[in-house]
């Protein structure tokens, strides 16, 4: 179940951005997209570090 969390997070975020009708606008998009960019960057750099350590 824990392995599905990143996938579900992305799907819920996309759902909120594309089909949500409560809030529409730039602020909502920024609030939803900023964590994805942050987590993507963290994932990228952690994989890069692991690759450098493991040779």
N, C-alpha and C. Protein backbone atom coordinates (compact mmCIF):
# COMPACT_ATOMS: atom_id res chain seq x y z
N UNK A 1 0.81 -1.20 0.00
CA UNK A 1 0.00 0.00 0.00
C UNK A 1 0.86 1.26 0.00
N UNK A 2 1.95 1.25 0.76
CA UNK A 2 2.77 2.45 0.83
C UNK A 2 3.40 2.79 -0.51
N UNK A 3 3.67 1.79 -1.31
CA UNK A 3 4.25 2.03 -2.62
C UNK A 3 3.31 2.77 -3.56
N UNK A 4 2.02 2.72 -3.29
CA UNK A 4 1.04 3.41 -4.13
C UNK A 4 0.89 4.88 -3.79
N UNK A 5 1.40 5.31 -2.64
CA UNK A 5 1.21 6.70 -2.20
C UNK A 5 1.66 7.74 -3.22
N UNK A 6 2.87 7.62 -3.81
CA UNK A 6 3.26 8.64 -4.80
C UNK A 6 2.33 8.67 -6.01
N UNK A 7 1.91 7.52 -6.47
CA UNK A 7 1.02 7.46 -7.63
C UNK A 7 -0.33 8.08 -7.29
N UNK A 8 -0.87 7.73 -6.14
CA UNK A 8 -2.16 8.29 -5.73
C UNK A 8 -2.08 9.79 -5.51
N UNK A 9 -0.96 10.26 -4.96
CA UNK A 9 -0.78 11.70 -4.75
C UNK A 9 -0.83 12.44 -6.09
N UNK A 10 -0.14 11.91 -7.08
CA UNK A 10 -0.13 12.54 -8.40
C UNK A 10 -1.52 12.51 -9.02
N UNK A 11 -2.22 11.39 -8.91
CA UNK A 11 -3.55 11.30 -9.48
C UNK A 11 -4.54 12.25 -8.80
N UNK A 12 -4.47 12.35 -7.50
CA UNK A 12 -5.37 13.27 -6.77
C UNK A 12 -5.06 14.71 -7.14
N UNK A 13 -3.78 15.04 -7.28
CA UNK A 13 -3.40 16.39 -7.66
C UNK A 13 -3.91 16.73 -9.06
N UNK A 14 -3.73 15.81 -10.00
CA UNK A 14 -4.23 16.04 -11.36
C UNK A 14 -5.75 16.17 -11.37
N UNK A 15 -6.40 15.35 -10.59
CA UNK A 15 -7.86 15.44 -10.50
C UNK A 15 -8.29 16.82 -9.99
N UNK A 16 -7.62 17.30 -8.96
CA UNK A 16 -7.95 18.60 -8.41
C UNK A 16 -7.69 19.73 -9.39
N UNK A 17 -6.63 19.61 -10.18
CA UNK A 17 -6.31 20.66 -11.14
C UNK A 17 -7.23 20.65 -12.35
N UNK A 18 -7.57 19.47 -12.83
CA UNK A 18 -8.32 19.37 -14.09
C UNK A 18 -9.83 19.31 -13.93
N UNK A 19 -10.31 18.72 -12.84
CA UNK A 19 -11.76 18.56 -12.74
C UNK A 19 -12.36 19.21 -11.49
N UNK A 20 -11.53 19.81 -10.68
CA UNK A 20 -12.04 20.48 -9.49
C UNK A 20 -12.74 21.78 -9.87
N UNK A 21 -13.87 22.04 -9.26
CA UNK A 21 -14.61 23.25 -9.58
C UNK A 21 -14.68 24.22 -8.41
N UNK A 22 -14.16 23.82 -7.25
CA UNK A 22 -14.23 24.70 -6.08
C UNK A 22 -13.37 25.94 -6.26
N UNK A 23 -12.13 25.73 -6.62
CA UNK A 23 -11.19 26.83 -6.80
C UNK A 23 -10.54 26.67 -8.17
N UNK A 24 -10.52 27.74 -8.90
CA UNK A 24 -9.83 27.71 -10.17
C UNK A 24 -8.94 28.93 -10.22
N UNK A 25 -7.73 28.72 -10.56
CA UNK A 25 -6.86 29.87 -10.69
C UNK A 25 -5.41 29.53 -10.48
N UNK A 26 -4.62 30.56 -10.52
CA UNK A 26 -3.17 30.43 -10.45
C UNK A 26 -2.71 29.95 -9.08
N UNK A 27 -3.35 30.44 -8.03
CA UNK A 27 -2.92 30.06 -6.68
C UNK A 27 -3.11 28.57 -6.46
N UNK A 28 -4.23 28.03 -6.86
CA UNK A 28 -4.48 26.61 -6.71
C UNK A 28 -3.46 25.79 -7.50
N UNK A 29 -3.18 26.21 -8.70
CA UNK A 29 -2.20 25.50 -9.52
C UNK A 29 -0.83 25.53 -8.85
N UNK A 30 -0.43 26.68 -8.33
CA UNK A 30 0.87 26.79 -7.67
C UNK A 30 0.94 25.92 -6.42
N UNK A 31 -0.14 25.92 -5.64
CA UNK A 31 -0.17 25.12 -4.42
C UNK A 31 -0.07 23.63 -4.73
N UNK A 32 -0.62 23.21 -5.84
CA UNK A 32 -0.58 21.79 -6.20
C UNK A 32 0.68 21.40 -6.96
N UNK A 33 1.20 22.29 -7.76
CA UNK A 33 2.36 21.94 -8.58
C UNK A 33 3.68 22.10 -7.82
N UNK A 34 3.77 23.03 -6.91
CA UNK A 34 5.00 23.26 -6.16
C UNK A 34 5.49 22.00 -5.43
N UNK A 35 4.64 21.27 -4.71
CA UNK A 35 5.13 20.06 -4.04
C UNK A 35 5.60 18.98 -5.03
N UNK A 36 4.95 18.90 -6.17
CA UNK A 36 5.38 17.90 -7.16
C UNK A 36 6.78 18.24 -7.66
N UNK A 37 7.03 19.51 -7.92
CA UNK A 37 8.37 19.91 -8.37
C UNK A 37 9.39 19.68 -7.26
N UNK A 38 9.03 20.02 -6.04
CA UNK A 38 9.93 19.82 -4.90
C UNK A 38 10.26 18.34 -4.72
N UNK A 39 9.23 17.49 -4.67
CA UNK A 39 9.46 16.06 -4.47
C UNK A 39 10.20 15.44 -5.65
N UNK A 40 9.90 15.91 -6.86
CA UNK A 40 10.62 15.42 -8.03
C UNK A 40 12.10 15.76 -7.97
N UNK A 41 12.40 16.98 -7.55
CA UNK A 41 13.80 17.39 -7.40
C UNK A 41 14.51 16.59 -6.32
N UNK A 42 13.84 16.39 -5.21
CA UNK A 42 14.45 15.59 -4.13
C UNK A 42 14.70 14.16 -4.59
N UNK A 43 13.75 13.59 -5.31
CA UNK A 43 13.92 12.23 -5.82
C UNK A 43 15.07 12.17 -6.80
N UNK A 44 15.17 13.14 -7.69
CA UNK A 44 16.24 13.17 -8.68
C UNK A 44 17.61 13.24 -8.02
N UNK A 45 17.75 14.17 -7.05
CA UNK A 45 19.05 14.33 -6.41
C UNK A 45 19.40 13.17 -5.49
N UNK A 46 18.41 12.54 -4.86
CA UNK A 46 18.71 11.39 -4.02
C UNK A 46 19.15 10.20 -4.87
N UNK A 47 18.53 10.01 -6.04
CA UNK A 47 18.94 8.93 -6.95
C UNK A 47 20.34 9.20 -7.48
N UNK A 48 20.66 10.47 -7.74
CA UNK A 48 21.98 10.83 -8.23
C UNK A 48 23.04 10.54 -7.18
N UNK A 49 22.74 10.86 -5.91
CA UNK A 49 23.68 10.58 -4.82
C UNK A 49 23.88 9.09 -4.65
N UNK A 50 22.79 8.32 -4.70
CA UNK A 50 22.90 6.87 -4.55
C UNK A 50 23.72 6.27 -5.67
N UNK A 51 23.56 6.76 -6.88
CA UNK A 51 24.33 6.25 -8.01
C UNK A 51 25.81 6.57 -7.83
N UNK A 52 26.13 7.74 -7.29
CA UNK A 52 27.53 8.11 -7.07
C UNK A 52 28.15 7.28 -5.97
N UNK A 53 27.39 6.98 -4.92
CA UNK A 53 27.92 6.21 -3.80
C UNK A 53 28.11 4.75 -4.19
N UNK A 54 27.16 4.20 -4.94
CA UNK A 54 27.22 2.78 -5.31
C UNK A 54 28.12 2.53 -6.51
N UNK A 55 28.61 3.57 -7.10
CA UNK A 55 29.60 3.44 -8.15
C UNK A 55 29.08 3.18 -9.47
